[in-house]
Amino acid sequence: MPFYLTRFSYTPGTWAKLIKNPEDRRAAAKEYIEAVGGRLHGFWYAFGDHDGYTLWEAPDNVSMAATALAIGAGGALSSIQTTVLLTVEETLAAMQKASSITYRPPGDKA
């Protein structure tokens, strides 16, 4: 199954709720991804551009997109961004396949 890295930030209102009533959101994240047949591999909070990061495994892009859409539609986040992660093997295969593509930059005549 593919892996996905999600970066998210809470709204100020969500932080206020969590400060008033601290809650481990890993259980919720695990429930969301398991609903589409996936698995949560990690959940971290951070300083910086994003409040937190999750590492997920999902059956496919549609399943992960559905999870991200459902979470984003909940209104607790001010931002959510998900990146599809490639294994080294997948990247090597992509490099090999790329070698068969002839790229023509814009403005260059064929």
PDB file of N, CA and C in Angstrom:
ATOM      1  N   MET A   1       0.837  -1.179   0.000  1.00  0.00           N
ATOM      2  CA  MET A   1       0.000   0.000   0.000  1.00  0.00           C
ATOM      3  C   MET A   1       0.884   1.245   0.000  1.00  0.00           C
ATOM      4  N   PRO A   2       0.444   2.303  -0.680  1.00  0.00           N
ATOM      5  CA  PRO A   2       1.208   3.546  -0.692  1.00  0.00           C
ATOM      6  C   PRO A   2       1.226   4.241   0.675  1.00  0.00           C
ATOM      7  N   PHE A   3       2.279   5.026   0.879  1.00  0.00           N
ATOM      8  CA  PHE A   3       2.410   5.823   2.095  1.00  0.00           C
ATOM      9  C   PHE A   3       2.105   7.286   1.781  1.00  0.00           C
ATOM     10  N   TYR A   4       1.610   7.996   2.788  1.00  0.00           N
ATOM     11  CA  TYR A   4       1.226   9.396   2.648  1.00  0.00           C
ATOM     12  C   TYR A   4       1.684  10.171   3.876  1.00  0.00           C
ATOM     13  N   LEU A   5       2.238  11.340   3.645  1.00  0.00           N
ATOM     14  CA  LEU A   5       2.625  12.249   4.715  1.00  0.00           C
ATOM     15  C   LEU A   5       1.638  13.408   4.706  1.00  0.00           C
ATOM     16  N   THR A   6       0.979  13.636   5.824  1.00  0.00           N
ATOM     17  CA  THR A   6       0.039  14.749   5.929  1.00  0.00           C
ATOM     18  C   THR A   6       0.567  15.766   6.926  1.00  0.00           C
ATOM     19  N   ARG A   7       0.524  17.032   6.514  1.00  0.00           N
ATOM     20  CA  ARG A   7       0.864  18.155   7.376  1.00  0.00           C
ATOM     21  C   ARG A   7      -0.440  18.888   7.662  1.00  0.00           C
ATOM     22  N   PHE A   8      -0.662  19.239   8.915  1.00  0.00           N
ATOM     23  CA  PHE A   8      -1.911  19.917   9.246  1.00  0.00           C
ATOM     24  C   PHE A   8      -1.673  20.974  10.310  1.00  0.00           C
ATOM     25  N   SER A   9      -2.610  21.912  10.362  1.00  0.00           N
ATOM     26  CA  SER A   9      -2.611  22.933  11.411  1.00  0.00           C
ATOM     27  C   SER A   9      -4.030  23.079  11.933  1.00  0.00           C
ATOM     28  N   TYR A  10      -4.136  23.225  13.244  1.00  0.00           N
ATOM     29  CA  TYR A  10      -5.433  23.427  13.881  1.00  0.00           C
ATOM     30  C   TYR A  10      -5.837  24.894  13.812  1.00  0.00           C
ATOM     31  N   THR A  11      -7.136  25.145  13.877  1.00  0.00           N
ATOM     32  CA  THR A  11      -7.622  26.514  14.017  1.00  0.00           C
ATOM     33  C   THR A  11      -7.369  26.960  15.457  1.00  0.00           C
ATOM     34  N   PRO A  12      -7.353  28.266  15.724  1.00  0.00           N
ATOM     35  CA  PRO A  12      -7.229  28.730  17.112  1.00  0.00           C
ATOM     36  C   PRO A  12      -8.345  28.165  18.007  1.00  0.00           C
ATOM     37  N   GLY A  13      -9.549  28.042  17.468  1.00  0.00           N
ATOM     38  CA  GLY A  13     -10.656  27.483  18.241  1.00  0.00           C
ATOM     39  C   GLY A  13     -10.417  26.034  18.643  1.00  0.00           C
ATOM     40  N   THR A  14      -9.811  25.264  17.733  1.00  0.00           N
ATOM     41  CA  THR A  14      -9.500  23.868  18.047  1.00  0.00           C
ATOM     42  C   THR A  14      -8.451  23.793  19.142  1.00  0.00           C
ATOM     43  N   TRP A  15      -7.409  24.641  19.045  1.00  0.00           N
ATOM     44  CA  TRP A  15      -6.398  24.670  20.105  1.00  0.00           C
ATOM     45  C   TRP A  15      -7.031  25.024  21.448  1.00  0.00           C
ATOM     46  N   ALA A  16      -7.957  25.971  21.443  1.00  0.00           N
ATOM     47  CA  ALA A  16      -8.624  26.364  22.695  1.00  0.00           C
ATOM     48  C   ALA A  16      -9.374  25.178  23.297  1.00  0.00           C
ATOM     49  N   LYS A  17     -10.056  24.414  22.455  1.00  0.00           N
ATOM     50  CA  LYS A  17     -10.779  23.228  22.940  1.00  0.00           C
ATOM     51  C   LYS A  17      -9.817  22.181  23.494  1.00  0.00           C
ATOM     52  N   LEU A  18      -8.698  21.968  22.793  1.00  0.00           N
ATOM     53  CA  LEU A  18      -7.719  20.970  23.242  1.00  0.00           C
ATOM     54  C   LEU A  18      -7.017  21.394  24.530  1.00  0.00           C
ATOM     55  N   ILE A  19      -6.793  22.691  24.691  1.00  0.00           N
ATOM     56  CA  ILE A  19      -6.172  23.181  25.928  1.00  0.00           C
ATOM     57  C   ILE A  19      -7.140  23.001  27.095  1.00  0.00           C
ATOM     58  N   LYS A  20      -8.412  23.287  26.854  1.00  0.00           N
ATOM     59  CA  LYS A  20      -9.415  23.138  27.908  1.00  0.00           C
ATOM     60  C   LYS A  20      -9.643  21.669  28.273  1.00  0.00           C
ATOM     61  N   ASN A  21      -9.608  20.820  27.261  1.00  0.00           N
ATOM     62  CA  ASN A  21      -9.853  19.393  27.468  1.00  0.00           C
ATOM     63  C   ASN A  21      -8.858  18.595  26.609  1.00  0.00           C
ATOM     64  N   PRO A  22      -7.605  18.406  27.091  1.00  0.00           N
ATOM     65  CA  PRO A  22      -6.594  17.701  26.288  1.00  0.00           C
ATOM     66  C   PRO A  22      -7.073  16.323  25.830  1.00  0.00           C
ATOM     67  N   GLU A  23      -6.760  16.028  24.581  1.00  0.00           N
ATOM     68  CA  GLU A  23      -7.217  14.776  23.966  1.00  0.00           C
ATOM     69  C   GLU A  23      -6.122  14.232  23.062  1.00  0.00           C
ATOM     70  N   ASP A  24      -5.870  12.947  23.146  1.00  0.00           N
ATOM     71  CA  ASP A  24      -4.911  12.278  22.264  1.00  0.00           C
ATOM     72  C   ASP A  24      -5.611  12.014  20.933  1.00  0.00           C
ATOM     73  N   ARG A  25      -5.261  12.768  19.903  1.00  0.00           N
ATOM     74  CA  ARG A  25      -5.941  12.667  18.617  1.00  0.00           C
ATOM     75  C   ARG A  25      -5.445  11.497  17.762  1.00  0.00           C
ATOM     76  N   ARG A  26      -4.459  10.758  18.248  1.00  0.00           N
ATOM     77  CA  ARG A  26      -3.995   9.586  17.489  1.00  0.00           C
ATOM     78  C   ARG A  26      -5.098   8.561  17.314  1.00  0.00           C
ATOM     79  N   ALA A  27      -5.907   8.366  18.346  1.00  0.00           N
ATOM     80  CA  ALA A  27      -6.984   7.367  18.264  1.00  0.00           C
ATOM     81  C   ALA A  27      -7.976   7.746  17.169  1.00  0.00           C
ATOM     82  N   ALA A  28      -8.302   9.030  17.077  1.00  0.00           N
ATOM     83  CA  ALA A  28      -9.229   9.483  16.040  1.00  0.00           C
ATOM     84  C   ALA A  28      -8.611   9.293  14.655  1.00  0.00           C
ATOM     85  N   ALA A  29      -7.335   9.674  14.504  1.00  0.00           N
ATOM     86  CA  ALA A  29      -6.658   9.533  13.215  1.00  0.00           C
ATOM     87  C   ALA A  29      -6.620   8.066  12.784  1.00  0.00           C
ATOM     88  N   LYS A  30      -6.352   7.188  13.738  1.00  0.00           N
ATOM     89  CA  LYS A  30      -6.319   5.748  13.448  1.00  0.00           C
ATOM     90  C   LYS A  30      -7.689   5.267  12.961  1.00  0.00           C
ATOM     91  N   GLU A  31      -8.727   5.727  13.612  1.00  0.00           N
ATOM     92  CA  GLU A  31     -10.091   5.344  13.228  1.00  0.00           C
ATOM     93  C   GLU A  31     -10.410   5.802  11.801  1.00  0.00           C
ATOM     94  N   TYR A  32     -10.011   7.038  11.460  1.00  0.00           N
ATOM     95  CA  TYR A  32     -10.311   7.577  10.131  1.00  0.00           C
ATOM     96  C   TYR A  32      -9.655   6.757   9.029  1.00  0.00           C
ATOM     97  N   ILE A  33      -8.374   6.449   9.171  1.00  0.00           N
ATOM     98  CA  ILE A  33      -7.669   5.741   8.108  1.00  0.00           C
ATOM     99  C   ILE A  33      -8.089   4.270   8.044  1.00  0.00           C
ATOM    100  N   GLU A  34      -8.373   3.684   9.194  1.00  0.00           N
ATOM    101  CA  GLU A  34      -8.831   2.292   9.173  1.00  0.00           C
ATOM    102  C   GLU A  34     -10.199   2.153   8.514  1.00  0.00           C
ATOM    103  N   ALA A  35     -10.990   3.223   8.511  1.00  0.00           N
ATOM    104  CA  ALA A  35     -12.312   3.185   7.864  1.00  0.00           C
ATOM    105  C   ALA A  35     -12.203   2.970   6.358  1.00  0.00           C
ATOM    106  N   VAL A  36     -11.029   3.289   5.777  1.00  0.00           N
ATOM    107  CA  VAL A  36     -10.838   3.081   4.339  1.00  0.00           C
ATOM    108  C   VAL A  36      -9.856   1.943   4.061  1.00  0.00           C
ATOM    109  N   GLY A  37      -9.548   1.151   5.086  1.00  0.00           N
ATOM    110  CA  GLY A  37      -8.668   0.008   4.901  1.00  0.00           C
ATOM    111  C   GLY A  37      -7.191   0.339   5.024  1.00  0.00           C
ATOM    112  N   GLY A  38      -6.872   1.484   5.631  1.00  0.00           N
ATOM    113  CA  GLY A  38      -5.478   1.892   5.773  1.00  0.00           C
ATOM    114  C   GLY A  38      -4.953   1.720   7.180  1.00  0.00           C
ATOM    115  N   ARG A  39      -3.782   2.302   7.417  1.00  0.00           N
ATOM    116  CA  ARG A  39      -3.107   2.158   8.712  1.00  0.00           C
ATOM    117  C   ARG A  39      -2.373   3.449   9.057  1.00  0.00           C
ATOM    118  N   LEU A  40      -2.443   3.850  10.313  1.00  0.00           N
ATOM    119  CA  LEU A  40      -1.697   4.994  10.812  1.00  0.00           C
ATOM    120  C   LEU A  40      -0.349   4.495  11.321  1.00  0.00           C
ATOM    121  N   HIS A  41       0.742   5.071  10.802  1.00  0.00           N
ATOM    122  CA  HIS A  41       2.080   4.673  11.228  1.00  0.00           C
ATOM    123  C   HIS A  41       2.702   5.640  12.224  1.00  0.00           C
ATOM    124  N   GLY A  42       2.214   6.871  12.243  1.00  0.00           N
ATOM    125  CA  GLY A  42       2.773   7.832  13.180  1.00  0.00           C
ATOM    126  C   GLY A  42       1.974   9.116  13.204  1.00  0.00           C
ATOM    127  N   PHE A  43       2.057   9.802  14.332  1.00  0.00           N
ATOM    128  CA  PHE A  43       1.346  11.065  14.547  1.00  0.00           C
ATOM    129  C   PHE A  43       2.237  11.926  15.431  1.00  0.00           C
ATOM    130  N   TRP A  44       2.635  13.092  14.946  1.00  0.00           N
ATOM    131  CA  TRP A  44       3.541  13.957  15.677  1.00  0.00           C
ATOM    132  C   TRP A  44       3.034  15.391  15.675  1.00  0.00           C
ATOM    133  N   TYR A  45       3.310  16.113  16.760  1.00  0.00           N
ATOM    134  CA  TYR A  45       3.104  17.560  16.807  1.00  0.00           C
ATOM    135  C   TYR A  45       4.458  18.217  16.609  1.00  0.00           C
ATOM    136  N   ALA A  46       4.451  19.470  16.132  1.00  0.00           N
ATOM    137  CA  ALA A  46       5.714  20.122  15.798  1.00  0.00           C
ATOM    138  C   ALA A  46       5.618  21.627  15.983  1.00  0.00           C
ATOM    139  N   PHE A  47       6.781  22.257  16.101  1.00  0.00           N
ATOM    140  CA  PHE A  47       6.895  23.707  16.015  1.00  0.00           C
ATOM    141  C   PHE A  47       7.153  24.023  14.546  1.00  0.00           C
ATOM    142  N   GLY A  48       6.698  25.152  14.063  1.00  0.00           N
ATOM    143  CA  GLY A  48       7.022  25.539  12.699  1.00  0.00           C
ATOM    144  C   GLY A  48       5.805  25.846  11.866  1.00  0.00           C
ATOM    145  N   ASP A  49       5.913  25.569  10.576  1.00  0.00           N
ATOM    146  CA  ASP A  49       4.853  25.916   9.635  1.00  0.00           C
ATOM    147  C   ASP A  49       3.564  25.134   9.845  1.00  0.00           C
ATOM    148  N   HIS A  50       3.665  23.946  10.414  1.00  0.00           N
ATOM    149  CA  HIS A  50       2.493  23.090  10.628  1.00  0.00           C
ATOM    150  C   HIS A  50       2.452  22.639  12.082  1.00  0.00           C
ATOM    151  N   ASP A  51       1.252  22.426  12.572  1.00  0.00           N
ATOM    152  CA  ASP A  51       1.085  21.981  13.959  1.00  0.00           C
ATOM    153  C   ASP A  51       1.368  20.498  14.125  1.00  0.00           C
ATOM    154  N   GLY A  52       1.132  19.713  13.075  1.00  0.00           N
ATOM    155  CA  GLY A  52       1.318  18.281  13.211  1.00  0.00           C
ATOM    156  C   GLY A  52       1.546  17.580  11.893  1.00  0.00           C
ATOM    157  N   TYR A  53       1.995  16.337  12.009  1.00  0.00           N
ATOM    158  CA  TYR A  53       2.304  15.484  10.864  1.00  0.00           C
ATOM    159  C   TYR A  53       1.784  14.081  11.144  1.00  0.00           C
ATOM    160  N   THR A  54       1.278  13.445  10.117  1.00  0.00           N
ATOM    161  CA  THR A  54       0.888  12.039  10.240  1.00  0.00           C
ATOM    162  C   THR A  54       1.517  11.262   9.091  1.00  0.00           C
ATOM    163  N   LEU A  55       1.815  10.007   9.361  1.00  0.00           N
ATOM    164  CA  LEU A  55       2.296   9.095   8.330  1.00  0.00           C
ATOM    165  C   LEU A  55       1.262   7.987   8.224  1.00  0.00           C
ATOM    166  N   TRP A  56       0.652   7.894   7.069  1.00  0.00           N
ATOM    167  CA  TRP A  56      -0.430   6.940   6.823  1.00  0.00           C
ATOM    168  C   TRP A  56      -0.029   5.942   5.746  1.00  0.00           C
ATOM    169  N   GLU A  57      -0.735   4.843   5.727  1.00  0.00           N
ATOM    170  CA  GLU A  57      -0.677   3.881   4.626  1.00  0.00           C
ATOM    171  C   GLU A  57      -2.127   3.680   4.217  1.00  0.00           C
ATOM    172  N   ALA A  58      -2.416   3.786   2.923  1.00  0.00           N
ATOM    173  CA  ALA A  58      -3.789   3.629   2.442  1.00  0.00           C
ATOM    174  C   ALA A  58      -3.785   2.761   1.191  1.00  0.00           C
ATOM    175  N   PRO A  59      -4.908   2.113   0.893  1.00  0.00           N
ATOM    176  CA  PRO A  59      -4.955   1.228  -0.268  1.00  0.00           C
ATOM    177  C   PRO A  59      -4.675   1.940  -1.593  1.00  0.00           C
ATOM    178  N   ASP A  60      -5.066   3.217  -1.693  1.00  0.00           N
ATOM    179  CA  ASP A  60      -4.918   3.940  -2.955  1.00  0.00           C
ATOM    180  C   ASP A  60      -5.143   5.431  -2.724  1.00  0.00           C
ATOM    181  N   ASN A  61      -4.904   6.218  -3.766  1.00  0.00           N
ATOM    182  CA  ASN A  61      -5.048   7.666  -3.662  1.00  0.00           C
ATOM    183  C   ASN A  61      -6.475   8.094  -3.350  1.00  0.00           C
ATOM    184  N   VAL A  62      -7.451   7.406  -3.916  1.00  0.00           N
ATOM    185  CA  VAL A  62      -8.849   7.765  -3.667  1.00  0.00           C
ATOM    186  C   VAL A  62      -9.198   7.580  -2.188  1.00  0.00           C
ATOM    187  N   SER A  63      -8.742   6.494  -1.590  1.00  0.00           N
ATOM    188  CA  SER A  63      -9.004   6.246  -0.167  1.00  0.00           C
ATOM    189  C   SER A  63      -8.353   7.313   0.706  1.00  0.00           C
ATOM    190  N   MET A  64      -7.116   7.698   0.366  1.00  0.00           N
ATOM    191  CA  MET A  64      -6.441   8.723   1.152  1.00  0.00           C
ATOM    192  C   MET A  64      -7.093  10.075   0.949  1.00  0.00           C
ATOM    193  N   ALA A  65      -7.482  10.373  -0.288  1.00  0.00           N
ATOM    194  CA  ALA A  65      -8.164  11.634  -0.561  1.00  0.00           C
ATOM    195  C   ALA A  65      -9.478  11.710   0.208  1.00  0.00           C
ATOM    196  N   ALA A  66     -10.208  10.612   0.264  1.00  0.00           N
ATOM    197  CA  ALA A  66     -11.468  10.588   1.013  1.00  0.00           C
ATOM    198  C   ALA A  66     -11.221  10.880   2.487  1.00  0.00           C
ATOM    199  N   THR A  67     -10.169  10.304   3.032  1.00  0.00           N
ATOM    200  CA  THR A  67      -9.821  10.534   4.442  1.00  0.00           C
ATOM    201  C   THR A  67      -9.481  12.006   4.665  1.00  0.00           C
ATOM    202  N   ALA A  68      -8.634  12.563   3.814  1.00  0.00           N
ATOM    203  CA  ALA A  68      -8.239  13.964   3.948  1.00  0.00           C
ATOM    204  C   ALA A  68      -9.435  14.894   3.775  1.00  0.00           C
ATOM    205  N   LEU A  69     -10.308  14.585   2.831  1.00  0.00           N
ATOM    206  CA  LEU A  69     -11.500  15.410   2.628  1.00  0.00           C
ATOM    207  C   LEU A  69     -12.409  15.385   3.848  1.00  0.00           C
ATOM    208  N   ALA A  70     -12.614  14.199   4.403  1.00  0.00           N
ATOM    209  CA  ALA A  70     -13.482  14.075   5.580  1.00  0.00           C
ATOM    210  C   ALA A  70     -12.908  14.851   6.763  1.00  0.00           C
ATOM    211  N   ILE A  71     -11.601  14.740   6.967  1.00  0.00           N
ATOM    212  CA  ILE A  71     -10.962  15.457   8.071  1.00  0.00           C
ATOM    213  C   ILE A  71     -11.035  16.962   7.830  1.00  0.00           C
ATOM    214  N   GLY A  72     -10.696  17.386   6.629  1.00  0.00           N
ATOM    215  CA  GLY A  72     -10.719  18.800   6.301  1.00  0.00           C
ATOM    216  C   GLY A  72     -12.111  19.414   6.405  1.00  0.00           C
ATOM    217  N   ALA A  73     -13.120  18.651   6.048  1.00  0.00           N
ATOM    218  CA  ALA A  73     -14.501  19.148   6.099  1.00  0.00           C
ATOM    219  C   ALA A  73     -15.017  19.291   7.522  1.00  0.00           C
ATOM    220  N   GLY A  74     -14.307  18.706   8.485  1.00  0.00           N
ATOM    221  CA  GLY A  74     -14.748  18.760   9.875  1.00  0.00           C
ATOM    222  C   GLY A  74     -14.619  20.133  10.516  1.00  0.00           C
ATOM    223  N   GLY A  75     -13.809  21.018   9.929  1.00  0.00           N
ATOM    224  CA  GLY A  75     -13.696  22.378  10.417  1.00  0.00           C
ATOM    225  C   GLY A  75     -12.698  22.613  11.537  1.00  0.00           C
ATOM    226  N   ALA A  76     -12.021  21.584  12.027  1.00  0.00           N
ATOM    227  CA  ALA A  76     -11.073  21.751  13.127  1.00  0.00           C
ATOM    228  C   ALA A  76      -9.696  22.199  12.658  1.00  0.00           C
ATOM    229  N   LEU A  77      -9.442  22.095  11.347  1.00  0.00           N
ATOM    230  CA  LEU A  77      -8.124  22.415  10.811  1.00  0.00           C
ATOM    231  C   LEU A  77      -8.146  23.703  10.008  1.00  0.00           C
ATOM    232  N   SER A  78      -7.063  24.454  10.094  1.00  0.00           N
ATOM    233  CA  SER A  78      -6.930  25.633   9.239  1.00  0.00           C
ATOM    234  C   SER A  78      -6.221  25.269   7.935  1.00  0.00           C
ATOM    235  N   SER A  79      -5.496  24.150   7.937  1.00  0.00           N
ATOM    236  CA  SER A  79      -4.864  23.663   6.714  1.00  0.00           C
ATOM    237  C   SER A  79      -4.592  22.177   6.825  1.00  0.00           C
ATOM    238  N   ILE A  80      -4.606  21.517   5.665  1.00  0.00           N
ATOM    239  CA  ILE A  80      -4.241  20.095   5.577  1.00  0.00           C
ATOM    240  C   ILE A  80      -3.630  19.876   4.201  1.00  0.00           C
ATOM    241  N   GLN A  81      -2.459  19.258   4.177  1.00  0.00           N
ATOM    242  CA  GLN A  81      -1.750  18.979   2.930  1.00  0.00           C
ATOM    243  C   GLN A  81      -1.224  17.554   2.995  1.00  0.00           C
ATOM    244  N   THR A  82      -1.496  16.793   1.954  1.00  0.00           N
ATOM    245  CA  THR A  82      -1.065  15.398   1.924  1.00  0.00           C
ATOM    246  C   THR A  82      -0.142  15.169   0.731  1.00  0.00           C
ATOM    247  N   THR A  83       0.965  14.486   0.977  1.00  0.00           N
ATOM    248  CA  THR A  83       1.948  14.166  -0.050  1.00  0.00           C
ATOM    249  C   THR A  83       2.033  12.654  -0.194  1.00  0.00           C
ATOM    250  N   VAL A  84       1.953  12.185  -1.432  1.00  0.00           N
ATOM    251  CA  VAL A  84       2.153  10.759  -1.705  1.00  0.00           C
ATOM    252  C   VAL A  84       3.645  10.487  -1.624  1.00  0.00           C
ATOM    253  N   LEU A  85       4.025   9.480  -0.856  1.00  0.00           N
ATOM    254  CA  LEU A  85       5.438   9.117  -0.722  1.00  0.00           C
ATOM    255  C   LEU A  85       5.748   7.918  -1.615  1.00  0.00           C
ATOM    256  N   LEU A  86       6.896   7.969  -2.265  1.00  0.00           N
ATOM    257  CA  LEU A  86       7.341   6.862  -3.115  1.00  0.00           C
ATOM    258  C   LEU A  86       8.463   6.104  -2.428  1.00  0.00           C
ATOM    259  N   THR A  87       8.474   4.802  -2.579  1.00  0.00           N
ATOM    260  CA  THR A  87       9.595   4.017  -2.069  1.00  0.00           C
ATOM    261  C   THR A  87      10.803   4.263  -2.971  1.00  0.00           C
ATOM    262  N   VAL A  88      11.971   3.854  -2.512  1.00  0.00           N
ATOM    263  CA  VAL A  88      13.170   3.969  -3.333  1.00  0.00           C
ATOM    264  C   VAL A  88      12.985   3.151  -4.608  1.00  0.00           C
ATOM    265  N   GLU A  89      12.404   1.974  -4.476  1.00  0.00           N
ATOM    266  CA  GLU A  89      12.181   1.111  -5.646  1.00  0.00           C
ATOM    267  C   GLU A  89      11.258   1.780  -6.663  1.00  0.00           C
ATOM    268  N   GLU A  90      10.195   2.410  -6.188  1.00  0.00           N
ATOM    269  CA  GLU A  90       9.283   3.115  -7.093  1.00  0.00           C
ATOM    270  C   GLU A  90       9.988   4.279  -7.781  1.00  0.00           C
ATOM    271  N   THR A  91      10.832   4.979  -7.047  1.00  0.00           N
ATOM    272  CA  THR A  91      11.567   6.104  -7.622  1.00  0.00           C
ATOM    273  C   THR A  91      12.562   5.619  -8.668  1.00  0.00           C
ATOM    274  N   LEU A  92      13.249   4.504  -8.392  1.00  0.00           N
ATOM    275  CA  LEU A  92      14.170   3.938  -9.381  1.00  0.00           C
ATOM    276  C   LEU A  92      13.409   3.534 -10.646  1.00  0.00           C
ATOM    277  N   ALA A  93      12.255   2.918 -10.487  1.00  0.00           N
ATOM    278  CA  ALA A  93      11.439   2.528 -11.643  1.00  0.00           C
ATOM    279  C   ALA A  93      11.006   3.764 -12.423  1.00  0.00           C
ATOM    280  N   ALA A  94      10.656   4.833 -11.729  1.00  0.00           N
ATOM    281  CA  ALA A  94      10.265   6.072 -12.405  1.00  0.00           C
ATOM    282  C   ALA A  94      11.435   6.659 -13.182  1.00  0.00           C
ATOM    283  N   MET A  95      12.635   6.610 -12.587  1.00  0.00           N
ATOM    284  CA  MET A  95      13.822   7.113 -13.295  1.00  0.00           C
ATOM    285  C   MET A  95      14.085   6.304 -14.558  1.00  0.00           C
ATOM    286  N   GLN A  96      13.941   4.979 -14.439  1.00  0.00           N
ATOM    287  CA  GLN A  96      14.154   4.130 -15.613  1.00  0.00           C
ATOM    288  C   GLN A  96      13.132   4.442 -16.698  1.00  0.00           C
ATOM    289  N   LYS A  97      11.866   4.623 -16.308  1.00  0.00           N
ATOM    290  CA  LYS A  97      10.816   4.933 -17.271  1.00  0.00           C
ATOM    291  C   LYS A  97      11.034   6.328 -17.866  1.00  0.00           C
ATOM    292  N   ALA A  98      11.521   7.261 -17.056  1.00  0.00           N
ATOM    293  CA  ALA A  98      11.771   8.628 -17.533  1.00  0.00           C
ATOM    294  C   ALA A  98      12.819   8.651 -18.643  1.00  0.00           C
ATOM    295  N   SER A  99      13.744   7.705 -18.604  1.00  0.00           N
ATOM    296  CA  SER A  99      14.803   7.690 -19.621  1.00  0.00           C
ATOM    297  C   SER A  99      14.242   7.408 -21.017  1.00  0.00           C
ATOM    298  N   SER A 100      13.042   6.877 -21.111  1.00  0.00           N
ATOM    299  CA  SER A 100      12.439   6.580 -22.418  1.00  0.00           C
ATOM    300  C   SER A 100      11.583   7.732 -22.942  1.00  0.00           C
ATOM    301  N   ILE A 101      11.485   8.809 -22.166  1.00  0.00           N
ATOM    302  CA  ILE A 101      10.662   9.954 -22.561  1.00  0.00           C
ATOM    303  C   ILE A 101      11.568  11.046 -23.116  1.00  0.00           C
ATOM    304  N   THR A 102      11.244  11.532 -24.298  1.00  0.00           N
ATOM    305  CA  THR A 102      12.001  12.630 -24.882  1.00  0.00           C
ATOM    306  C   THR A 102      11.255  13.924 -24.561  1.00  0.00           C
ATOM    307  N   TYR A 103      11.878  14.744 -23.727  1.00  0.00           N
ATOM    308  CA  TYR A 103      11.275  15.995 -23.295  1.00  0.00           C
ATOM    309  C   TYR A 103      11.750  17.133 -24.194  1.00  0.00           C
ATOM    310  N   ARG A 104      10.789  17.984 -24.592  1.00  0.00           N
ATOM    311  CA  ARG A 104      11.119  19.173 -25.392  1.00  0.00           C
ATOM    312  C   ARG A 104      10.708  20.395 -24.578  1.00  0.00           C
ATOM    313  N   PRO A 105      11.687  21.219 -24.139  1.00  0.00           N
ATOM    314  CA  PRO A 105      11.349  22.427 -23.384  1.00  0.00           C
ATOM    315  C   PRO A 105      10.477  23.384 -24.206  1.00  0.00           C
ATOM    316  N   PRO A 106       9.665  24.190 -23.542  1.00  0.00           N
ATOM    317  CA  PRO A 106       8.839  25.160 -24.269  1.00  0.00           C
ATOM    318  C   PRO A 106       9.707  26.071 -25.137  1.00  0.00           C
ATOM    319  N   GLY A 107       9.251  26.316 -26.349  1.00  0.00           N
ATOM    320  CA  GLY A 107       9.961  27.209 -27.248  1.00  0.00           C
ATOM    321  C   GLY A 107      11.007  26.531 -28.104  1.00  0.00           C
ATOM    322  N   ASP A 108      11.426  25.297 -27.762  1.00  0.00           N
ATOM    323  CA  ASP A 108      12.393  24.570 -28.589  1.00  0.00           C
ATOM    324  C   ASP A 108      11.640  23.945 -29.763  1.00  0.00           C
ATOM    325  N   LYS A 109      12.226  24.046 -30.936  1.00  0.00           N
ATOM    326  CA  LYS A 109      11.618  23.429 -32.135  1.00  0.00           C
ATOM    327  C   LYS A 109      11.962  21.958 -32.179  1.00  0.00           C
ATOM    328  N   ALA A 110      11.024  21.180 -32.611  1.00  0.00           N
ATOM    329  CA  ALA A 110      11.232  19.724 -32.698  1.00  0.00           C
ATOM    330  C   ALA A 110      12.162  19.369 -33.828  1.00  0.00           C
TER     331      ALA A 110
END
